[in-house]
Amino acid sequence: MVISGEQFGAWTVIKTDASGKRATCLCICGAVQLIAVEALADGSSASCGCVALSPEHLAALRAAAVQQRRRRERDWRPQR
């Protein structure tokens, strides 16, 4: 069983589904994907593919993810 916050390569587990077979993961570049827990555990999924990118491209992806997160936080309105 994987735990929120646990790291597998470039992935950080955000949460697992009710069955415990899939995990929503955040990559170091800011990508969020649903990954099979088995793939995390056996190492067959270590990143979204960004690890093969150049450092400059990876930095640009991170900057874009930060801007997107800030936009979401700014535009978010509580439900009434």
PDB file of N, CA and C in Angstrom:
ATOM      1  N   MET A   1       0.851  -1.185   0.000  1.00  0.00           N
ATOM      2  CA  MET A   1       0.000   0.000   0.000  1.00  0.00           C
ATOM      3  C   MET A   1       0.897   1.250   0.000  1.00  0.00           C
ATOM      4  N   VAL A   2       0.614   2.172  -0.874  1.00  0.00           N
ATOM      5  CA  VAL A   2       1.376   3.415  -0.928  1.00  0.00           C
ATOM      6  C   VAL A   2       0.690   4.464  -0.062  1.00  0.00           C
ATOM      7  N   ILE A   3       1.481   5.380   0.428  1.00  0.00           N
ATOM      8  CA  ILE A   3       0.992   6.415   1.333  1.00  0.00           C
ATOM      9  C   ILE A   3       1.174   7.775   0.688  1.00  0.00           C
ATOM     10  N   SER A   4       0.213   8.679   0.891  1.00  0.00           N
ATOM     11  CA  SER A   4       0.335  10.037   0.365  1.00  0.00           C
ATOM     12  C   SER A   4       1.647  10.648   0.825  1.00  0.00           C
ATOM     13  N   GLY A   5       2.334  11.303  -0.095  1.00  0.00           N
ATOM     14  CA  GLY A   5       3.616  11.918   0.202  1.00  0.00           C
ATOM     15  C   GLY A   5       4.800  11.026  -0.104  1.00  0.00           C
ATOM     16  N   GLU A   6       4.563   9.738  -0.299  1.00  0.00           N
ATOM     17  CA  GLU A   6       5.640   8.801  -0.608  1.00  0.00           C
ATOM     18  C   GLU A   6       6.165   9.076  -2.019  1.00  0.00           C
ATOM     19  N   GLN A   7       7.483   8.942  -2.218  1.00  0.00           N
ATOM     20  CA  GLN A   7       8.094   9.237  -3.508  1.00  0.00           C
ATOM     21  C   GLN A   7       8.577   7.971  -4.188  1.00  0.00           C
ATOM     22  N   PHE A   8       8.376   7.931  -5.506  1.00  0.00           N
ATOM     23  CA  PHE A   8       8.842   6.855  -6.369  1.00  0.00           C
ATOM     24  C   PHE A   8       9.477   7.513  -7.575  1.00  0.00           C
ATOM     25  N   GLY A   9      10.792   7.587  -7.601  1.00  0.00           N
ATOM     26  CA  GLY A   9      11.479   8.298  -8.676  1.00  0.00           C
ATOM     27  C   GLY A   9      11.093   9.760  -8.629  1.00  0.00           C
ATOM     28  N   ALA A  10      10.573  10.281  -9.741  1.00  0.00           N
ATOM     29  CA  ALA A  10      10.157  11.686  -9.804  1.00  0.00           C
ATOM     30  C   ALA A  10       8.720  11.882  -9.337  1.00  0.00           C
ATOM     31  N   TRP A  11       7.993  10.774  -9.092  1.00  0.00           N
ATOM     32  CA  TRP A  11       6.590  10.857  -8.659  1.00  0.00           C
ATOM     33  C   TRP A  11       6.466  11.041  -7.161  1.00  0.00           C
ATOM     34  N   THR A  12       5.499  11.850  -6.753  1.00  0.00           N
ATOM     35  CA  THR A  12       5.088  11.953  -5.357  1.00  0.00           C
ATOM     36  C   THR A  12       3.611  11.601  -5.322  1.00  0.00           C
ATOM     37  N   VAL A  13       3.251  10.642  -4.469  1.00  0.00           N
ATOM     38  CA  VAL A  13       1.862  10.202  -4.387  1.00  0.00           C
ATOM     39  C   VAL A  13       1.034  11.284  -3.708  1.00  0.00           C
ATOM     40  N   ILE A  14      -0.069  11.681  -4.353  1.00  0.00           N
ATOM     41  CA  ILE A  14      -0.999  12.651  -3.785  1.00  0.00           C
ATOM     42  C   ILE A  14      -2.093  11.914  -3.018  1.00  0.00           C
ATOM     43  N   LYS A  15      -2.693  10.917  -3.681  1.00  0.00           N
ATOM     44  CA  LYS A  15      -3.717  10.092  -3.033  1.00  0.00           C
ATOM     45  C   LYS A  15      -3.885   8.808  -3.828  1.00  0.00           C
ATOM     46  N   THR A  16      -4.471   7.803  -3.193  1.00  0.00           N
ATOM     47  CA  THR A  16      -4.779   6.556  -3.880  1.00  0.00           C
ATOM     48  C   THR A  16      -6.290   6.423  -4.016  1.00  0.00           C
ATOM     49  N   ASP A  17      -6.712   5.623  -4.998  1.00  0.00           N
ATOM     50  CA  ASP A  17      -8.152   5.420  -5.158  1.00  0.00           C
ATOM     51  C   ASP A  17      -8.654   4.428  -4.107  1.00  0.00           C
ATOM     52  N   ALA A  18      -9.959   4.225  -4.076  1.00  0.00           N
ATOM     53  CA  ALA A  18     -10.570   3.368  -3.059  1.00  0.00           C
ATOM     54  C   ALA A  18     -10.079   1.925  -3.140  1.00  0.00           C
ATOM     55  N   SER A  19      -9.776   1.448  -4.334  1.00  0.00           N
ATOM     56  CA  SER A  19      -9.316   0.066  -4.498  1.00  0.00           C
ATOM     57  C   SER A  19      -7.853  -0.111  -4.083  1.00  0.00           C
ATOM     58  N   GLY A  20      -7.104   0.987  -4.037  1.00  0.00           N
ATOM     59  CA  GLY A  20      -5.687   0.920  -3.700  1.00  0.00           C
ATOM     60  C   GLY A  20      -4.821   0.463  -4.855  1.00  0.00           C
ATOM     61  N   LYS A  21      -5.402   0.371  -6.056  1.00  0.00           N
ATOM     62  CA  LYS A  21      -4.653  -0.103  -7.220  1.00  0.00           C
ATOM     63  C   LYS A  21      -4.075   1.024  -8.061  1.00  0.00           C
ATOM     64  N   ARG A  22      -4.598   2.236  -7.900  1.00  0.00           N
ATOM     65  CA  ARG A  22      -4.112   3.379  -8.672  1.00  0.00           C
ATOM     66  C   ARG A  22      -3.848   4.545  -7.726  1.00  0.00           C
ATOM     67  N   ALA A  23      -2.878   5.359  -8.108  1.00  0.00           N
ATOM     68  CA  ALA A  23      -2.521   6.522  -7.297  1.00  0.00           C
ATOM     69  C   ALA A  23      -2.441   7.754  -8.182  1.00  0.00           C
ATOM     70  N   THR A  24      -2.969   8.850  -7.675  1.00  0.00           N
ATOM     71  CA  THR A  24      -2.794  10.134  -8.346  1.00  0.00           C
ATOM     72  C   THR A  24      -1.437  10.646  -7.894  1.00  0.00           C
ATOM     73  N   CYS A  25      -0.571  10.933  -8.863  1.00  0.00           N
ATOM     74  CA  CYS A  25       0.810  11.305  -8.554  1.00  0.00           C
ATOM     75  C   CYS A  25       1.184  12.635  -9.192  1.00  0.00           C
ATOM     76  N   LEU A  26       2.068  13.350  -8.525  1.00  0.00           N
ATOM     77  CA  LEU A  26       2.610  14.613  -9.003  1.00  0.00           C
ATOM     78  C   LEU A  26       4.064  14.387  -9.390  1.00  0.00           C
ATOM     79  N   CYS A  27       4.399  14.745 -10.620  1.00  0.00           N
ATOM     80  CA  CYS A  27       5.781  14.610 -11.089  1.00  0.00           C
ATOM     81  C   CYS A  27       6.570  15.867 -10.697  1.00  0.00           C
ATOM     82  N   ILE A  28       7.887  15.784 -10.706  1.00  0.00           N
ATOM     83  CA  ILE A  28       8.710  16.937 -10.338  1.00  0.00           C
ATOM     84  C   ILE A  28       8.526  18.107 -11.288  1.00  0.00           C
ATOM     85  N   CYS A  29       8.043  17.839 -12.513  1.00  0.00           N
ATOM     86  CA  CYS A  29       7.831  18.917 -13.478  1.00  0.00           C
ATOM     87  C   CYS A  29       6.469  19.591 -13.287  1.00  0.00           C
ATOM     88  N   GLY A  30       5.610  19.009 -12.447  1.00  0.00           N
ATOM     89  CA  GLY A  30       4.296  19.581 -12.197  1.00  0.00           C
ATOM     90  C   GLY A  30       3.161  18.806 -12.827  1.00  0.00           C
ATOM     91  N   ALA A  31       3.463  17.792 -13.635  1.00  0.00           N
ATOM     92  CA  ALA A  31       2.417  16.978 -14.261  1.00  0.00           C
ATOM     93  C   ALA A  31       1.740  16.105 -13.210  1.00  0.00           C
ATOM     94  N   VAL A  32       0.427  15.940 -13.346  1.00  0.00           N
ATOM     95  CA  VAL A  32      -0.344  15.081 -12.452  1.00  0.00           C
ATOM     96  C   VAL A  32      -0.943  13.971 -13.301  1.00  0.00           C
ATOM     97  N   GLN A  33      -0.721  12.717 -12.863  1.00  0.00           N
ATOM     98  CA  GLN A  33      -1.239  11.572 -13.615  1.00  0.00           C
ATOM     99  C   GLN A  33      -1.710  10.486 -12.657  1.00  0.00           C
ATOM    100  N   LEU A  34      -2.615   9.651 -13.155  1.00  0.00           N
ATOM    101  CA  LEU A  34      -3.081   8.480 -12.440  1.00  0.00           C
ATOM    102  C   LEU A  34      -2.179   7.320 -12.847  1.00  0.00           C
ATOM    103  N   ILE A  35      -1.494   6.717 -11.873  1.00  0.00           N
ATOM    104  CA  ILE A  35      -0.500   5.674 -12.138  1.00  0.00           C
ATOM    105  C   ILE A  35      -0.885   4.409 -11.379  1.00  0.00           C
ATOM    106  N   ALA A  36      -0.677   3.263 -11.991  1.00  0.00           N
ATOM    107  CA  ALA A  36      -0.906   1.989 -11.313  1.00  0.00           C
ATOM    108  C   ALA A  36       0.103   1.846 -10.171  1.00  0.00           C
ATOM    109  N   VAL A  37      -0.375   1.466  -8.992  1.00  0.00           N
ATOM    110  CA  VAL A  37       0.496   1.304  -7.824  1.00  0.00           C
ATOM    111  C   VAL A  37       1.568   0.267  -8.106  1.00  0.00           C
ATOM    112  N   GLU A  38       1.215  -0.775  -8.834  1.00  0.00           N
ATOM    113  CA  GLU A  38       2.182  -1.815  -9.192  1.00  0.00           C
ATOM    114  C   GLU A  38       3.337  -1.237 -10.004  1.00  0.00           C
ATOM    115  N   ALA A  39       3.038  -0.303 -10.920  1.00  0.00           N
ATOM    116  CA  ALA A  39       4.079   0.326 -11.741  1.00  0.00           C
ATOM    117  C   ALA A  39       4.998   1.196 -10.889  1.00  0.00           C
ATOM    118  N   LEU A  40       4.452   1.821  -9.864  1.00  0.00           N
ATOM    119  CA  LEU A  40       5.289   2.607  -8.954  1.00  0.00           C
ATOM    120  C   LEU A  40       6.190   1.684  -8.143  1.00  0.00           C
ATOM    121  N   ALA A  41       5.600   0.632  -7.614  1.00  0.00           N
ATOM    122  CA  ALA A  41       6.333  -0.281  -6.735  1.00  0.00           C
ATOM    123  C   ALA A  41       7.462  -1.013  -7.455  1.00  0.00           C
ATOM    124  N   ASP A  42       7.226  -1.450  -8.712  1.00  0.00           N
ATOM    125  CA  ASP A  42       8.277  -2.201  -9.411  1.00  0.00           C
ATOM    126  C   ASP A  42       9.236  -1.298 -10.191  1.00  0.00           C
ATOM    127  N   GLY A  43       8.982   0.035 -10.171  1.00  0.00           N
ATOM    128  CA  GLY A  43       9.891   0.982 -10.810  1.00  0.00           C
ATOM    129  C   GLY A  43       9.675   1.164 -12.299  1.00  0.00           C
ATOM    130  N   SER A  44       8.630   0.542 -12.855  1.00  0.00           N
ATOM    131  CA  SER A  44       8.414   0.687 -14.298  1.00  0.00           C
ATOM    132  C   SER A  44       7.879   2.069 -14.669  1.00  0.00           C
ATOM    133  N   SER A  45       7.383   2.814 -13.684  1.00  0.00           N
ATOM    134  CA  SER A  45       7.005   4.216 -13.912  1.00  0.00           C
ATOM    135  C   SER A  45       7.743   5.066 -12.895  1.00  0.00           C
ATOM    136  N   ALA A  46       8.709   5.829 -13.375  1.00  0.00           N
ATOM    137  CA  ALA A  46       9.512   6.652 -12.479  1.00  0.00           C
ATOM    138  C   ALA A  46       9.296   8.147 -12.701  1.00  0.00           C
ATOM    139  N   SER A  47       8.679   8.506 -13.844  1.00  0.00           N
ATOM    140  CA  SER A  47       8.380   9.905 -14.141  1.00  0.00           C
ATOM    141  C   SER A  47       7.396   9.953 -15.296  1.00  0.00           C
ATOM    142  N   CYS A  48       6.945  11.154 -15.625  1.00  0.00           N
ATOM    143  CA  CYS A  48       6.030  11.325 -16.754  1.00  0.00           C
ATOM    144  C   CYS A  48       6.783  11.329 -18.080  1.00  0.00           C
ATOM    145  N   GLY A  49       8.090  11.280 -18.022  1.00  0.00           N
ATOM    146  CA  GLY A  49       8.925  11.337 -19.210  1.00  0.00           C
ATOM    147  C   GLY A  49       9.796  12.578 -19.221  1.00  0.00           C
ATOM    148  N   CYS A  50       9.555  13.473 -18.291  1.00  0.00           N
ATOM    149  CA  CYS A  50      10.300  14.730 -18.250  1.00  0.00           C
ATOM    150  C   CYS A  50      11.760  14.534 -17.873  1.00  0.00           C
ATOM    151  N   VAL A  51      12.096  13.449 -17.238  1.00  0.00           N
ATOM    152  CA  VAL A  51      13.468  13.216 -16.802  1.00  0.00           C
ATOM    153  C   VAL A  51      14.409  13.182 -17.999  1.00  0.00           C
ATOM    154  N   ALA A  52      13.909  12.783 -19.153  1.00  0.00           N
ATOM    155  CA  ALA A  52      14.727  12.734 -20.358  1.00  0.00           C
ATOM    156  C   ALA A  52      14.871  14.102 -21.024  1.00  0.00           C
ATOM    157  N   LEU A  53      14.170  15.104 -20.523  1.00  0.00           N
ATOM    158  CA  LEU A  53      14.214  16.433 -21.119  1.00  0.00           C
ATOM    159  C   LEU A  53      15.470  17.187 -20.703  1.00  0.00           C
ATOM    160  N   SER A  54      15.794  18.215 -21.445  1.00  0.00           N
ATOM    161  CA  SER A  54      16.943  19.047 -21.100  1.00  0.00           C
ATOM    162  C   SER A  54      16.619  19.853 -19.840  1.00  0.00           C
ATOM    163  N   PRO A  55      17.622  20.268 -19.085  1.00  0.00           N
ATOM    164  CA  PRO A  55      17.382  21.059 -17.872  1.00  0.00           C
ATOM    165  C   PRO A  55      16.601  22.347 -18.147  1.00  0.00           C
ATOM    166  N   GLU A  56      16.855  22.966 -19.293  1.00  0.00           N
ATOM    167  CA  GLU A  56      16.154  24.204 -19.629  1.00  0.00           C
ATOM    168  C   GLU A  56      14.662  23.950 -19.858  1.00  0.00           C
ATOM    169  N   HIS A  57      14.358  22.878 -20.581  1.00  0.00           N
ATOM    170  CA  HIS A  57      12.970  22.540 -20.859  1.00  0.00           C
ATOM    171  C   HIS A  57      12.247  22.156 -19.561  1.00  0.00           C
ATOM    172  N   LEU A  58      12.918  21.400 -18.704  1.00  0.00           N
ATOM    173  CA  LEU A  58      12.340  21.012 -17.424  1.00  0.00           C
ATOM    174  C   LEU A  58      12.069  22.239 -16.558  1.00  0.00           C
ATOM    175  N   ALA A  59      12.979  23.208 -16.545  1.00  0.00           N
ATOM    176  CA  ALA A  59      12.782  24.445 -15.777  1.00  0.00           C
ATOM    177  C   ALA A  59      11.581  25.221 -16.306  1.00  0.00           C
ATOM    178  N   ALA A  60      11.411  25.239 -17.614  1.00  0.00           N
ATOM    179  CA  ALA A  60      10.258  25.924 -18.205  1.00  0.00           C
ATOM    180  C   ALA A  60       8.956  25.229 -17.827  1.00  0.00           C
ATOM    181  N   LEU A  61       8.949  23.885 -17.810  1.00  0.00           N
ATOM    182  CA  LEU A  61       7.762  23.141 -17.389  1.00  0.00           C
ATOM    183  C   LEU A  61       7.412  23.436 -15.937  1.00  0.00           C
ATOM    184  N   ARG A  62       8.425  23.477 -15.077  1.00  0.00           N
ATOM    185  CA  ARG A  62       8.183  23.782 -13.662  1.00  0.00           C
ATOM    186  C   ARG A  62       7.607  25.186 -13.493  1.00  0.00           C
ATOM    187  N   ALA A  63       8.167  26.153 -14.204  1.00  0.00           N
ATOM    188  CA  ALA A  63       7.684  27.535 -14.120  1.00  0.00           C
ATOM    189  C   ALA A  63       6.235  27.630 -14.592  1.00  0.00           C
ATOM    190  N   ALA A  64       5.908  26.923 -15.664  1.00  0.00           N
ATOM    191  CA  ALA A  64       4.535  26.927 -16.169  1.00  0.00           C
ATOM    192  C   ALA A  64       3.583  26.288 -15.161  1.00  0.00           C
ATOM    193  N   ALA A  65       4.018  25.224 -14.499  1.00  0.00           N
ATOM    194  CA  ALA A  65       3.177  24.565 -13.495  1.00  0.00           C
ATOM    195  C   ALA A  65       2.921  25.488 -12.310  1.00  0.00           C
ATOM    196  N   VAL A  66       3.940  26.227 -11.902  1.00  0.00           N
ATOM    197  CA  VAL A  66       3.775  27.179 -10.791  1.00  0.00           C
ATOM    198  C   VAL A  66       2.787  28.275 -11.170  1.00  0.00           C
ATOM    199  N   GLN A  67       2.917  28.807 -12.380  1.00  0.00           N
ATOM    200  CA  GLN A  67       1.990  29.852 -12.833  1.00  0.00           C
ATOM    201  C   GLN A  67       0.566  29.323 -12.903  1.00  0.00           C
ATOM    202  N   GLN A  68       0.391  28.105 -13.391  1.00  0.00           N
ATOM    203  CA  GLN A  68      -0.942  27.515 -13.492  1.00  0.00           C
ATOM    204  C   GLN A  68      -1.545  27.320 -12.099  1.00  0.00           C
ATOM    205  N   ARG A  69      -0.748  26.836 -11.155  1.00  0.00           N
ATOM    206  CA  ARG A  69      -1.227  26.634  -9.779  1.00  0.00           C
ATOM    207  C   ARG A  69      -1.624  27.962  -9.151  1.00  0.00           C
ATOM    208  N   ARG A  70      -0.829  29.009  -9.359  1.00  0.00           N
ATOM    209  CA  ARG A  70      -1.154  30.334  -8.811  1.00  0.00           C
ATOM    210  C   ARG A  70      -2.443  30.877  -9.408  1.00  0.00           C
ATOM    211  N   ARG A  71      -2.629  30.657 -10.732  1.00  0.00           N
ATOM    212  CA  ARG A  71      -3.868  31.088 -11.385  1.00  0.00           C
ATOM    213  C   ARG A  71      -5.081  30.376 -10.803  1.00  0.00           C
ATOM    214  N   ARG A  72      -4.935  29.052 -10.604  1.00  0.00           N
ATOM    215  CA  ARG A  72      -6.040  28.282 -10.020  1.00  0.00           C
ATOM    216  C   ARG A  72      -6.367  28.779  -8.618  1.00  0.00           C
ATOM    217  N   GLU A  73      -5.351  29.018  -7.798  1.00  0.00           N
ATOM    218  CA  GLU A  73      -5.570  29.493  -6.431  1.00  0.00           C
ATOM    219  C   GLU A  73      -6.211  30.875  -6.427  1.00  0.00           C
ATOM    220  N   ARG A  74      -5.792  31.744  -7.349  1.00  0.00           N
ATOM    221  CA  ARG A  74      -6.341  33.088  -7.419  1.00  0.00           C
ATOM    222  C   ARG A  74      -7.803  33.066  -7.867  1.00  0.00           C
ATOM    223  N   ASP A  75      -8.116  32.201  -8.825  1.00  0.00           N
ATOM    224  CA  ASP A  75      -9.459  32.157  -9.389  1.00  0.00           C
ATOM    225  C   ASP A  75     -10.431  31.284  -8.608  1.00  0.00           C
ATOM    226  N   TRP A  76      -9.928  30.526  -7.653  1.00  0.00           N
ATOM    227  CA  TRP A  76     -10.785  29.631  -6.903  1.00  0.00           C
ATOM    228  C   TRP A  76     -11.713  30.436  -5.993  1.00  0.00           C
ATOM    229  N   ARG A  77     -12.974  30.063  -6.002  1.00  0.00           N
ATOM    230  CA  ARG A  77     -13.965  30.699  -5.127  1.00  0.00           C
ATOM    231  C   ARG A  77     -14.638  29.619  -4.293  1.00  0.00           C
ATOM    232  N   PRO A  78     -14.794  29.840  -2.992  1.00  0.00           N
ATOM    233  CA  PRO A  78     -15.430  28.821  -2.145  1.00  0.00           C
ATOM    234  C   PRO A  78     -16.893  28.611  -2.552  1.00  0.00           C
ATOM    235  N   GLN A  79     -17.330  27.366  -2.450  1.00  0.00           N
ATOM    236  CA  GLN A  79     -18.729  27.020  -2.736  1.00  0.00           C
ATOM    237  C   GLN A  79     -19.598  27.451  -1.568  1.00  0.00           C
ATOM    238  N   ARG A  80     -20.774  27.939  -1.874  1.00  0.00           N
ATOM    239  CA  ARG A  80     -21.687  28.349  -0.795  1.00  0.00           C
ATOM    240  C   ARG A  80     -22.832  27.405  -0.678  1.00  0.00           C
TER     241      ARG A  80
END
